[in-house]
Amino acid sequence: VTESLVSALQQVPLPMIISAKALLSFPFFYHSLNGIRHLIWDCGWALSLRGCYLTGWMVNGGTILGSLVVSTLL
């Protein structure tokens, strides 16, 4: 079964594999980083409007960066 799966995946074009990995990794990174953001808020940190915006942009940037790294390098 494993050999047939490997041979089947070798036939799939690389852009399709990268797209599929990105589609799977994006929600994982977003929810993981946003969970950390909420834990930071639970500790009472970054509760100002500036802190909320800053952590939101950090989550978005980390999600994009992490998803790109995982989908292209791994």
Protein backbone atom coordinates (compact mmCIF):
# COMPACT_ATOMS: atom_id res chain seq x y z
CA VAL A 1 0.00 0.00 0.00
CA THR A 2 2.78 2.45 0.89
CA GLU A 3 4.67 1.84 -2.35
CA SER A 4 1.58 2.46 -4.44
CA LEU A 5 0.82 5.65 -2.49
CA VAL A 6 4.37 6.94 -3.02
CA SER A 7 4.25 6.17 -6.73
CA ALA A 8 0.87 7.89 -7.05
CA LEU A 9 2.14 11.02 -5.28
CA GLN A 10 5.15 11.18 -7.57
CA GLN A 11 2.76 11.70 -10.47
CA VAL A 12 1.13 14.77 -8.88
CA PRO A 13 2.59 18.10 -10.07
CA LEU A 14 4.61 20.03 -7.49
CA PRO A 15 2.37 23.16 -7.51
CA MET A 16 -0.61 21.00 -6.56
CA ILE A 17 1.28 19.42 -3.67
CA ILE A 18 2.43 22.83 -2.38
CA SER A 19 -1.13 24.20 -2.67
CA ALA A 20 -2.58 21.25 -0.78
CA LYS A 21 0.02 21.59 1.99
CA ALA A 22 -0.66 25.32 2.25
CA LEU A 23 -4.42 24.74 2.47
CA LEU A 24 -3.88 22.27 5.31
CA SER A 25 -1.24 24.25 7.21
CA PHE A 26 -2.94 27.67 7.08
CA PRO A 27 -5.80 26.85 9.49
CA PHE A 28 -3.41 24.97 11.79
CA PHE A 29 -1.07 27.95 12.15
CA TYR A 30 -3.92 30.47 12.44
CA HIS A 31 -5.71 28.64 15.24
CA SER A 32 -2.49 27.77 17.06
CA LEU A 33 -1.19 31.34 17.03
CA ASN A 34 -4.59 32.82 17.83
CA GLY A 35 -4.81 30.43 20.80
CA ILE A 36 -1.50 31.77 22.05
CA ARG A 37 -2.89 35.30 21.55
CA HIS A 38 -5.86 34.47 23.75
CA LEU A 39 -3.59 32.97 26.41
CA ILE A 40 -1.65 36.26 26.40
CA TRP A 41 -4.92 38.11 26.90
CA ASP A 42 -5.88 35.75 29.73
CA CYS A 43 -2.67 36.78 31.49
CA GLY A 44 -3.79 40.39 31.25
CA TRP A 45 -1.20 41.46 28.68
CA ALA A 46 -1.82 43.38 25.41
CA LEU A 47 -5.39 44.30 26.31
CA SER A 48 -5.15 47.87 25.02
CA LEU A 49 -6.49 48.67 21.58
CA ARG A 50 -2.92 49.00 20.28
CA GLY A 51 -2.02 45.63 21.84
CA CYS A 52 -5.04 43.95 20.27
CA TYR A 53 -4.15 45.26 16.84
CA LEU A 54 -0.48 44.40 17.27
CA THR A 55 -1.16 40.82 18.33
CA GLY A 56 -3.70 40.46 15.53
CA TRP A 57 -1.15 41.50 12.93
CA MET A 58 1.41 39.21 14.53
CA VAL A 59 -1.00 36.28 14.24
CA ASN A 60 -1.72 37.09 10.59
CA GLY A 61 1.96 37.49 9.72
CA GLY A 62 2.96 34.36 11.62
CA THR A 63 0.22 32.41 9.91
CA ILE A 64 1.33 33.44 6.45
CA LEU A 65 5.02 32.93 7.22
CA GLY A 66 4.51 29.57 8.92
CA SER A 67 2.23 28.30 6.19
CA LEU A 68 4.66 29.32 3.47
CA VAL A 69 7.61 27.70 5.24
CA VAL A 70 5.80 24.44 5.89
CA SER A 71 4.26 24.20 2.43
CA THR A 72 7.46 24.94 0.50
CA LEU A 73 10.27 23.52 2.63
CA LEU A 74 8.75 20.40 4.16
